C-alpha atoms as a PDB file:
ATOM      1  CA  MET A   1      -3.869  10.331 -12.894  1.00  0.00           C
ATOM      2  CA  ARG A   2      -2.368  13.036 -15.044  1.00  0.00           C
ATOM      3  CA  GLY A   3      -1.956  16.756 -14.394  1.00  0.00           C
ATOM      4  CA  LEU A   4      -0.921  16.500 -10.750  1.00  0.00           C
ATOM      5  CA  PRO A   5       0.837  19.518  -9.245  1.00  0.00           C
ATOM      6  CA  TYR A   6       4.546  18.733  -8.891  1.00  0.00           C
ATOM      7  CA  SER A   7       4.266  19.535  -5.177  1.00  0.00           C
ATOM      8  CA  VAL A   8       1.430  17.050  -4.551  1.00  0.00           C
ATOM      9  CA  ILE A   9       1.676  14.781  -1.500  1.00  0.00           C
ATOM     10  CA  LYS A  10      -0.252  11.655  -0.562  1.00  0.00           C
ATOM     11  CA  GLU A  11      -2.509  13.594   1.829  1.00  0.00           C
ATOM     12  CA  ASP A  12      -3.637  15.739  -1.121  1.00  0.00           C
ATOM     13  CA  ILE A  13      -4.663  12.610  -3.011  1.00  0.00           C
ATOM     14  CA  LYS A  14      -6.537  11.264   0.023  1.00  0.00           C
ATOM     15  CA  LYS A  15      -8.490  14.538   0.215  1.00  0.00           C
ATOM     16  CA  PHE A  16      -9.190  14.490  -3.535  1.00  0.00           C
ATOM     17  CA  PHE A  17     -10.605  10.960  -3.184  1.00  0.00           C
ATOM     18  CA  GLU A  18     -12.133  11.622   0.244  1.00  0.00           C
ATOM     19  CA  ASP A  19     -15.091   9.301  -0.412  1.00  0.00           C
ATOM     20  CA  PHE A  20     -12.749   6.309  -0.675  1.00  0.00           C
ATOM     21  CA  VAL A  21     -10.527   4.517   1.819  1.00  0.00           C
ATOM     22  CA  LEU A  22      -6.892   4.915   0.740  1.00  0.00           C
ATOM     23  CA  SER A  23      -3.638   4.050   2.463  1.00  0.00           C
ATOM     24  CA  ASP A  24      -0.286   5.679   1.776  1.00  0.00           C
ATOM     25  CA  GLU A  25       0.794   2.404   0.160  1.00  0.00           C
ATOM     26  CA  SER A  26      -2.043   2.633  -2.381  1.00  0.00           C
ATOM     27  CA  ILE A  27      -0.867   5.996  -3.774  1.00  0.00           C
ATOM     28  CA  HIS A  28       2.029   6.110  -6.233  1.00  0.00           C
ATOM     29  CA  PHE A  29       3.685   9.075  -7.958  1.00  0.00           C
ATOM     30  CA  ARG A  30       5.720   8.756 -11.121  1.00  0.00           C
ATOM     31  CA  VAL A  31       9.153  10.411 -11.260  1.00  0.00           C
ATOM     32  CA  ASN A  32      11.603  10.949 -14.121  1.00  0.00           C
ATOM     33  CA  ALA A  33      15.197   9.687 -14.337  1.00  0.00           C
ATOM     34  CA  GLU A  34      16.363  12.598 -12.169  1.00  0.00           C
ATOM     35  CA  GLY A  35      13.804  11.713  -9.488  1.00  0.00           C
ATOM     36  CA  ARG A  36      11.572  14.701 -10.228  1.00  0.00           C
ATOM     37  CA  PRO A  37       7.767  14.347 -10.309  1.00  0.00           C
ATOM     38  CA  THR A  38       6.198  13.946 -13.748  1.00  0.00           C
ATOM     39  CA  GLY A  39       2.696  15.022 -12.734  1.00  0.00           C
ATOM     40  CA  GLU A  40       1.404  11.478 -13.124  1.00  0.00           C
ATOM     41  CA  GLY A  41       0.297   9.044 -10.472  1.00  0.00           C
ATOM     42  CA  PHE A  42      -1.636   5.897  -9.723  1.00  0.00           C
ATOM     43  CA  VAL A  43      -4.104   5.002  -6.974  1.00  0.00           C
ATOM     44  CA  GLU A  44      -5.000   1.448  -6.033  1.00  0.00           C
ATOM     45  CA  PHE A  45      -8.631   1.289  -4.900  1.00  0.00           C
ATOM     46  CA  ARG A  46     -10.215  -1.442  -2.786  1.00  0.00           C
ATOM     47  CA  GLY A  47     -11.948  -2.987  -5.771  1.00  0.00           C
ATOM     48  CA  PRO A  48     -13.229  -2.441  -9.297  1.00  0.00           C
ATOM     49  CA  GLU A  49     -16.417  -0.764  -8.059  1.00  0.00           C
ATOM     50  CA  ASP A  50     -14.468   1.894  -6.151  1.00  0.00           C
ATOM     51  CA  ALA A  51     -12.106   2.405  -9.082  1.00  0.00           C
ATOM     52  CA  LYS A  52     -15.028   2.921 -11.459  1.00  0.00           C
ATOM     53  CA  ALA A  53     -16.778   5.302  -9.047  1.00  0.00           C
ATOM     54  CA  ALA A  54     -13.566   7.311  -8.613  1.00  0.00           C
ATOM     55  CA  LEU A  55     -13.518   8.055 -12.351  1.00  0.00           C
ATOM     56  CA  ALA A  56     -16.447  10.423 -11.713  1.00  0.00           C
ATOM     57  CA  LYS A  57     -13.831  12.861 -10.383  1.00  0.00           C
ATOM     58  CA  ASP A  58     -12.182  13.109 -13.822  1.00  0.00           C
ATOM     59  CA  ARG A  59     -11.259  16.720 -14.644  1.00  0.00           C
ATOM     60  CA  MET A  60     -12.029  17.983 -11.143  1.00  0.00           C
ATOM     61  CA  THR A  61      -9.435  20.304  -9.653  1.00  0.00           C
ATOM     62  CA  LEU A  62      -6.687  19.635  -7.164  1.00  0.00           C
ATOM     63  CA  GLY A  63      -5.313  22.982  -6.136  1.00  0.00           C
ATOM     64  CA  SER A  64      -5.334  25.058  -9.306  1.00  0.00           C
ATOM     65  CA  ARG A  65      -4.928  22.096 -11.668  1.00  0.00           C
ATOM     66  CA  TYR A  66      -7.565  19.889 -13.189  1.00  0.00           C
ATOM     67  CA  ILE A  67      -6.781  16.207 -12.914  1.00  0.00           C
ATOM     68  CA  GLU A  68      -7.364  13.712 -15.705  1.00  0.00           C
ATOM     69  CA  LEU A  69      -8.270  10.210 -14.581  1.00  0.00           C
ATOM     70  CA  PHE A  70      -7.919   7.006 -16.576  1.00  0.00           C
ATOM     71  CA  PRO A  71      -8.558   3.373 -15.692  1.00  0.00           C
ATOM     72  CA  SER A  72      -5.371   1.324 -15.514  1.00  0.00           C
ATOM     73  CA  SER A  73      -4.200  -2.157 -14.597  1.00  0.00           C
ATOM     74  CA  LEU A  74      -1.691  -3.446 -12.074  1.00  0.00           C
ATOM     75  CA  GLU A  75       0.572  -4.245 -15.031  1.00  0.00           C
ATOM     76  CA  GLU A  76       0.468  -0.596 -16.150  1.00  0.00           C
ATOM     77  CA  LEU A  77       1.250   0.514 -12.604  1.00  0.00           C
ATOM     78  CA  SER A  78       4.217  -1.849 -12.423  1.00  0.00           C
ATOM     79  CA  GLU A  79       5.567  -0.712 -15.792  1.00  0.00           C
ATOM     80  CA  ALA A  80       5.136   2.970 -14.969  1.00  0.00           C
ATOM     81  CA  LEU A  81       6.902   2.692 -11.646  1.00  0.00           C
ATOM     82  CA  SER A  82       9.761   0.672 -13.120  1.00  0.00           C
ATOM     83  CA  GLY A  83      10.409   3.338 -15.735  1.00  0.00           C
ATOM     84  CA  VAL A  84       9.172   1.294 -18.673  1.00  0.00           C
ATOM     85  CA  VAL A  85       7.155   3.466 -21.038  1.00  0.00           C
ATOM     86  CA  HIS A  86       4.947   2.050 -23.813  1.00  0.00           C
END
């Protein structure tokens, strides 16, 4: 996800994806070196079908911001959360 409000919390993401079952552990926010939110995040869905269906919410709004959604892999999630940028 890209374009998240810096004040977003996991409950906001659960509401945004209300048609899907998400746990707190399946929602990840990216932070910069100072620990501040970057406006990017990742959600792990139950399976590829849910992930594909969730992409229908691309460019819908969360608060006053529209959210861009992109498919990603577990490898991309791991790299993003470890601070590796490609």
